[in-house]
Amino acid sequence: MTKEIGNTDAAQTVKKTVPKVNAAKNTVVEKTSVLSNKKIYVGPGSPGLMPNTVYDGGYPLYVQEMIDDCPEIEKLMVNIDQYVVSQKSVKENGSLLNTYAKKVTKYFEGEANE
């Protein structure tokens, strides 16, 4: 890219070459790495654990306690880039995520009965 600096008079015009920076490449890489740390919960809801909640870099203590009691909850925490596919899978009868969701529902129902 060339930039003209100075008067518009042709005798006094100085041309300076400015390197073209492709920031789009770096931006895509940065966004990908930021999103890869985030998980979204696609399972059934309960007080303290709602569907479509995004967790960045770990879970709050109360969620971790639920995961300790019912490991299927963590299996329903999916990478952001897998959200759409996972949402469909949770609703598909017989799929692995659907099976996890059913177990989590039973866990929440048992918690309510205690």
N, C-alpha and C. Protein backbone atom coordinates (compact mmCIF):
# COMPACT_ATOMS: atom_id res chain seq x y z
N MET A 1 0.86 -1.17 0.00
CA MET A 1 0.00 0.00 0.00
C MET A 1 0.90 1.23 0.00
N THR A 2 0.56 2.23 -0.77
CA THR A 2 1.35 3.45 -0.86
C THR A 2 0.55 4.61 -0.31
N LYS A 3 1.22 5.44 0.49
CA LYS A 3 0.57 6.61 1.08
C LYS A 3 1.33 7.85 0.65
N GLU A 4 0.61 8.88 0.30
CA GLU A 4 1.26 10.13 -0.06
C GLU A 4 1.27 11.04 1.15
N ILE A 5 2.42 11.63 1.43
CA ILE A 5 2.56 12.51 2.57
C ILE A 5 3.02 13.87 2.06
N GLY A 6 2.45 14.93 2.61
CA GLY A 6 2.90 16.27 2.26
C GLY A 6 1.90 17.00 1.38
N ASN A 7 2.38 18.08 0.73
CA ASN A 7 1.54 18.88 -0.14
C ASN A 7 1.06 18.07 -1.31
N THR A 8 0.00 18.54 -1.91
CA THR A 8 -0.49 17.87 -3.10
C THR A 8 0.30 18.29 -4.33
N ASP A 9 1.16 19.26 -4.18
CA ASP A 9 2.02 19.70 -5.27
C ASP A 9 2.94 18.53 -5.64
N ALA A 10 2.95 18.14 -6.89
CA ALA A 10 3.68 16.97 -7.36
C ALA A 10 5.17 17.04 -7.02
N ALA A 11 5.75 18.21 -6.98
CA ALA A 11 7.18 18.35 -6.71
C ALA A 11 7.51 18.03 -5.26
N GLN A 12 6.56 18.23 -4.35
CA GLN A 12 6.84 18.03 -2.93
C GLN A 12 6.19 16.76 -2.37
N THR A 13 5.64 15.93 -3.19
CA THR A 13 4.96 14.71 -2.72
C THR A 13 5.99 13.63 -2.41
N VAL A 14 5.87 13.02 -1.24
CA VAL A 14 6.76 11.94 -0.84
C VAL A 14 5.92 10.68 -0.76
N LYS A 15 6.41 9.60 -1.32
CA LYS A 15 5.68 8.34 -1.26
C LYS A 15 6.33 7.44 -0.23
N LYS A 16 5.50 6.86 0.62
CA LYS A 16 5.99 5.96 1.66
C LYS A 16 5.24 4.65 1.53
N THR A 17 5.96 3.56 1.48
CA THR A 17 5.33 2.24 1.39
C THR A 17 5.07 1.73 2.80
N VAL A 18 3.81 1.36 3.06
CA VAL A 18 3.41 0.85 4.36
C VAL A 18 3.10 -0.64 4.20
N PRO A 19 3.72 -1.50 5.01
CA PRO A 19 3.44 -2.94 4.86
C PRO A 19 1.99 -3.27 5.20
N LYS A 20 1.44 -4.18 4.43
CA LYS A 20 0.06 -4.59 4.65
C LYS A 20 0.06 -5.71 5.69
N VAL A 21 -0.71 -5.52 6.75
CA VAL A 21 -0.77 -6.50 7.83
C VAL A 21 -2.06 -7.28 7.70
N ASN A 22 -1.95 -8.59 7.74
CA ASN A 22 -3.14 -9.44 7.66
C ASN A 22 -3.54 -9.82 9.08
N ALA A 23 -4.28 -8.96 9.73
CA ALA A 23 -4.69 -9.19 11.12
C ALA A 23 -5.78 -10.25 11.21
N ALA A 24 -6.49 -10.49 10.12
CA ALA A 24 -7.60 -11.46 10.16
C ALA A 24 -7.10 -12.84 10.56
N LYS A 25 -5.95 -13.25 10.07
CA LYS A 25 -5.42 -14.57 10.42
C LYS A 25 -5.21 -14.67 11.93
N ASN A 26 -4.53 -13.69 12.49
CA ASN A 26 -4.26 -13.71 13.93
C ASN A 26 -5.54 -13.65 14.75
N THR A 27 -6.50 -12.89 14.30
CA THR A 27 -7.76 -12.76 15.02
C THR A 27 -8.48 -14.10 15.08
N VAL A 28 -8.53 -14.82 13.97
CA VAL A 28 -9.21 -16.11 13.93
C VAL A 28 -8.55 -17.08 14.91
N VAL A 29 -7.25 -17.12 14.92
CA VAL A 29 -6.53 -18.01 15.83
C VAL A 29 -6.82 -17.64 17.28
N GLU A 30 -6.80 -16.35 17.59
CA GLU A 30 -7.07 -15.92 18.96
C GLU A 30 -8.49 -16.28 19.38
N LYS A 31 -9.47 -16.06 18.51
CA LYS A 31 -10.85 -16.38 18.85
C LYS A 31 -11.03 -17.88 19.05
N THR A 32 -10.39 -18.68 18.23
CA THR A 32 -10.50 -20.13 18.37
C THR A 32 -9.95 -20.59 19.70
N SER A 33 -8.80 -20.07 20.09
CA SER A 33 -8.21 -20.50 21.36
C SER A 33 -9.05 -20.03 22.54
N VAL A 34 -9.65 -18.87 22.44
CA VAL A 34 -10.50 -18.38 23.53
C VAL A 34 -11.74 -19.24 23.65
N LEU A 35 -12.36 -19.59 22.54
CA LEU A 35 -13.58 -20.40 22.58
C LEU A 35 -13.31 -21.82 23.03
N SER A 36 -12.12 -22.35 22.78
CA SER A 36 -11.86 -23.74 23.11
C SER A 36 -11.85 -23.98 24.61
N ASN A 37 -11.65 -22.96 25.43
CA ASN A 37 -11.67 -23.10 26.88
C ASN A 37 -13.08 -23.06 27.45
N LYS A 38 -14.02 -22.65 26.66
CA LYS A 38 -15.38 -22.46 27.16
C LYS A 38 -16.24 -23.69 26.90
N LYS A 39 -17.05 -24.03 27.88
CA LYS A 39 -17.99 -25.15 27.76
C LYS A 39 -19.40 -24.60 27.96
N ILE A 40 -20.35 -25.26 27.31
CA ILE A 40 -21.75 -24.88 27.47
C ILE A 40 -22.53 -26.12 27.89
N TYR A 41 -23.42 -25.94 28.85
CA TYR A 41 -24.20 -27.06 29.37
C TYR A 41 -25.43 -27.27 28.49
N VAL A 42 -25.59 -28.50 27.96
CA VAL A 42 -26.70 -28.79 27.06
C VAL A 42 -27.71 -29.76 27.68
N GLY A 43 -27.57 -30.04 28.96
CA GLY A 43 -28.46 -31.00 29.62
C GLY A 43 -29.69 -30.35 30.21
N PRO A 44 -30.47 -31.15 30.95
CA PRO A 44 -31.68 -30.65 31.59
C PRO A 44 -31.35 -29.68 32.72
N GLY A 45 -32.30 -28.82 33.04
CA GLY A 45 -32.06 -27.80 34.04
C GLY A 45 -32.49 -28.19 35.44
N SER A 46 -31.90 -27.49 36.37
CA SER A 46 -32.19 -27.65 37.79
C SER A 46 -31.76 -26.35 38.45
N PRO A 47 -32.28 -26.04 39.62
CA PRO A 47 -31.79 -24.82 40.29
C PRO A 47 -30.27 -24.88 40.45
N GLY A 48 -29.60 -23.88 39.97
CA GLY A 48 -28.15 -23.83 40.03
C GLY A 48 -27.45 -24.36 38.79
N LEU A 49 -28.16 -25.03 37.93
CA LEU A 49 -27.57 -25.56 36.70
C LEU A 49 -28.60 -25.46 35.58
N MET A 50 -28.48 -24.39 34.81
CA MET A 50 -29.45 -24.14 33.75
C MET A 50 -28.87 -24.48 32.38
N PRO A 51 -29.71 -24.99 31.48
CA PRO A 51 -29.24 -25.26 30.11
C PRO A 51 -28.70 -23.98 29.47
N ASN A 52 -27.75 -24.17 28.58
CA ASN A 52 -27.15 -23.09 27.80
C ASN A 52 -26.28 -22.13 28.63
N THR A 53 -25.89 -22.57 29.83
CA THR A 53 -24.98 -21.77 30.64
C THR A 53 -23.56 -22.04 30.17
N VAL A 54 -22.80 -20.96 29.98
CA VAL A 54 -21.41 -21.07 29.52
C VAL A 54 -20.47 -20.99 30.72
N TYR A 55 -19.52 -21.91 30.76
CA TYR A 55 -18.51 -21.95 31.82
C TYR A 55 -17.15 -21.75 31.17
N ASP A 56 -16.38 -20.86 31.75
CA ASP A 56 -15.07 -20.50 31.19
C ASP A 56 -13.96 -20.89 32.16
N GLY A 57 -13.24 -21.96 31.83
CA GLY A 57 -12.08 -22.33 32.63
C GLY A 57 -12.38 -23.07 33.92
N GLY A 58 -13.53 -23.66 34.04
CA GLY A 58 -13.86 -24.42 35.24
C GLY A 58 -15.29 -24.19 35.66
N TYR A 59 -15.68 -24.85 36.74
CA TYR A 59 -17.06 -24.78 37.22
C TYR A 59 -17.09 -24.23 38.64
N PRO A 60 -18.17 -23.56 39.00
CA PRO A 60 -18.33 -23.13 40.39
C PRO A 60 -18.38 -24.36 41.30
N LEU A 61 -18.10 -24.17 42.56
CA LEU A 61 -18.04 -25.27 43.52
C LEU A 61 -19.34 -26.07 43.55
N TYR A 62 -20.49 -25.40 43.57
CA TYR A 62 -21.77 -26.12 43.64
C TYR A 62 -22.01 -26.98 42.39
N VAL A 63 -21.54 -26.53 41.23
CA VAL A 63 -21.66 -27.34 40.01
C VAL A 63 -20.70 -28.52 40.08
N GLN A 64 -19.49 -28.29 40.56
CA GLN A 64 -18.52 -29.37 40.70
C GLN A 64 -19.04 -30.44 41.65
N GLU A 65 -19.74 -30.04 42.70
CA GLU A 65 -20.33 -31.02 43.63
C GLU A 65 -21.39 -31.87 42.92
N MET A 66 -22.19 -31.23 42.07
CA MET A 66 -23.18 -31.99 41.29
C MET A 66 -22.48 -32.98 40.36
N ILE A 67 -21.40 -32.53 39.72
CA ILE A 67 -20.64 -33.40 38.81
C ILE A 67 -20.05 -34.59 39.58
N ASP A 68 -19.58 -34.33 40.80
CA ASP A 68 -19.03 -35.42 41.62
C ASP A 68 -20.10 -36.47 41.92
N ASP A 69 -21.34 -36.01 42.15
CA ASP A 69 -22.45 -36.92 42.43
C ASP A 69 -22.98 -37.60 41.18
N CYS A 70 -22.94 -36.89 40.06
CA CYS A 70 -23.50 -37.39 38.80
C CYS A 70 -22.56 -37.01 37.65
N PRO A 71 -21.58 -37.86 37.33
CA PRO A 71 -20.56 -37.54 36.31
C PRO A 71 -21.13 -37.25 34.92
N GLU A 72 -22.35 -37.70 34.65
CA GLU A 72 -22.96 -37.46 33.34
C GLU A 72 -23.16 -35.96 33.10
N ILE A 73 -23.27 -35.18 34.17
CA ILE A 73 -23.43 -33.73 34.01
C ILE A 73 -22.24 -33.17 33.24
N GLU A 74 -21.05 -33.58 33.60
CA GLU A 74 -19.86 -33.06 32.91
C GLU A 74 -19.83 -33.51 31.45
N LYS A 75 -20.39 -34.65 31.16
CA LYS A 75 -20.42 -35.13 29.78
C LYS A 75 -21.39 -34.30 28.93
N LEU A 76 -22.25 -33.56 29.60
CA LEU A 76 -23.18 -32.67 28.90
C LEU A 76 -22.64 -31.24 28.83
N MET A 77 -21.41 -31.05 29.28
CA MET A 77 -20.70 -29.78 29.13
C MET A 77 -19.86 -29.92 27.87
N VAL A 78 -20.27 -29.27 26.80
CA VAL A 78 -19.62 -29.46 25.50
C VAL A 78 -18.89 -28.19 25.08
N ASN A 79 -17.92 -28.37 24.20
CA ASN A 79 -17.22 -27.20 23.65
C ASN A 79 -18.21 -26.34 22.88
N ILE A 80 -17.99 -25.06 22.93
CA ILE A 80 -18.87 -24.10 22.27
C ILE A 80 -19.07 -24.46 20.79
N ASP A 81 -18.00 -24.86 20.12
CA ASP A 81 -18.11 -25.16 18.69
C ASP A 81 -18.92 -26.42 18.40
N GLN A 82 -19.23 -27.21 19.42
CA GLN A 82 -20.05 -28.42 19.26
C GLN A 82 -21.49 -28.21 19.73
N TYR A 83 -21.84 -26.98 20.07
CA TYR A 83 -23.14 -26.69 20.66
C TYR A 83 -24.32 -27.14 19.80
N VAL A 84 -24.35 -26.75 18.56
CA VAL A 84 -25.50 -27.04 17.69
C VAL A 84 -25.68 -28.55 17.51
N VAL A 85 -24.60 -29.24 17.22
CA VAL A 85 -24.65 -30.70 17.03
C VAL A 85 -25.08 -31.38 18.33
N SER A 86 -24.56 -30.91 19.44
CA SER A 86 -24.88 -31.51 20.74
C SER A 86 -26.34 -31.29 21.12
N GLN A 87 -26.87 -30.11 20.82
CA GLN A 87 -28.28 -29.83 21.10
C GLN A 87 -29.18 -30.82 20.37
N LYS A 88 -28.86 -31.09 19.13
CA LYS A 88 -29.65 -32.06 18.35
C LYS A 88 -29.50 -33.45 18.94
N SER A 89 -28.29 -33.81 19.31
CA SER A 89 -28.01 -35.14 19.84
C SER A 89 -28.73 -35.39 21.16
N VAL A 90 -28.81 -34.38 22.01
CA VAL A 90 -29.50 -34.53 23.30
C VAL A 90 -30.97 -34.87 23.08
N LYS A 91 -31.56 -34.35 22.03
CA LYS A 91 -32.99 -34.59 21.74
C LYS A 91 -33.23 -35.89 20.98
N GLU A 92 -32.17 -36.46 20.41
CA GLU A 92 -32.30 -37.67 19.60
C GLU A 92 -32.34 -38.90 20.50
N ASN A 93 -33.50 -39.55 20.53
CA ASN A 93 -33.70 -40.70 21.40
C ASN A 93 -32.67 -41.79 21.10
N GLY A 94 -32.00 -42.27 22.13
CA GLY A 94 -31.02 -43.34 21.98
C GLY A 94 -29.59 -42.87 21.78
N SER A 95 -29.39 -41.58 21.52
CA SER A 95 -28.02 -41.09 21.35
C SER A 95 -27.31 -41.07 22.70
N LEU A 96 -26.01 -41.00 22.67
CA LEU A 96 -25.22 -41.01 23.90
C LEU A 96 -25.57 -39.81 24.79
N LEU A 97 -25.64 -38.61 24.19
CA LEU A 97 -25.97 -37.43 24.98
C LEU A 97 -27.40 -37.50 25.52
N ASN A 98 -28.31 -38.11 24.78
CA ASN A 98 -29.68 -38.29 25.25
C ASN A 98 -29.70 -39.22 26.46
N THR A 99 -28.89 -40.26 26.43
CA THR A 99 -28.79 -41.19 27.55
C THR A 99 -28.25 -40.46 28.79
N TYR A 100 -27.22 -39.64 28.59
CA TYR A 100 -26.68 -38.85 29.71
C TYR A 100 -27.74 -37.91 30.27
N ALA A 101 -28.48 -37.27 29.38
CA ALA A 101 -29.51 -36.32 29.82
C ALA A 101 -30.58 -37.03 30.65
N LYS A 102 -30.95 -38.23 30.26
CA LYS A 102 -31.95 -38.99 31.03
C LYS A 102 -31.42 -39.34 32.42
N LYS A 103 -30.13 -39.71 32.50
CA LYS A 103 -29.53 -40.02 33.80
C LYS A 103 -29.47 -38.77 34.68
N VAL A 104 -29.16 -37.64 34.09
CA VAL A 104 -29.10 -36.38 34.84
C VAL A 104 -30.50 -36.00 35.33
N THR A 105 -31.51 -36.21 34.49
CA THR A 105 -32.89 -35.93 34.90
C THR A 105 -33.26 -36.78 36.11
N LYS A 106 -32.92 -38.06 36.08
CA LYS A 106 -33.19 -38.94 37.22
C LYS A 106 -32.45 -38.47 38.47
N TYR A 107 -31.23 -38.02 38.28
CA TYR A 107 -30.44 -37.49 39.41
C TYR A 107 -31.15 -36.28 40.01
N PHE A 108 -31.60 -35.36 39.17
CA PHE A 108 -32.29 -34.16 39.67
C PHE A 108 -33.61 -34.53 40.34
N GLU A 109 -34.33 -35.49 39.78
CA GLU A 109 -35.60 -35.92 40.40
C GLU A 109 -35.34 -36.55 41.76
N GLY A 110 -34.29 -37.32 41.89
CA GLY A 110 -33.93 -37.92 43.17
C GLY A 110 -33.53 -36.88 44.20
N GLU A 111 -32.88 -35.82 43.73
CA GLU A 111 -32.49 -34.72 44.61
C GLU A 111 -33.72 -34.01 45.14
N ALA A 112 -34.74 -33.87 44.29
CA ALA A 112 -35.96 -33.18 44.69
C ALA A 112 -36.74 -33.98 45.73
N ASN A 113 -36.62 -35.31 45.67
CA ASN A 113 -37.35 -36.18 46.61
C ASN A 113 -36.67 -36.28 47.96
N GLU A 114 -35.42 -35.84 48.08
CA GLU A 114 -34.70 -35.95 49.35
C GLU A 114 -35.14 -34.90 50.33
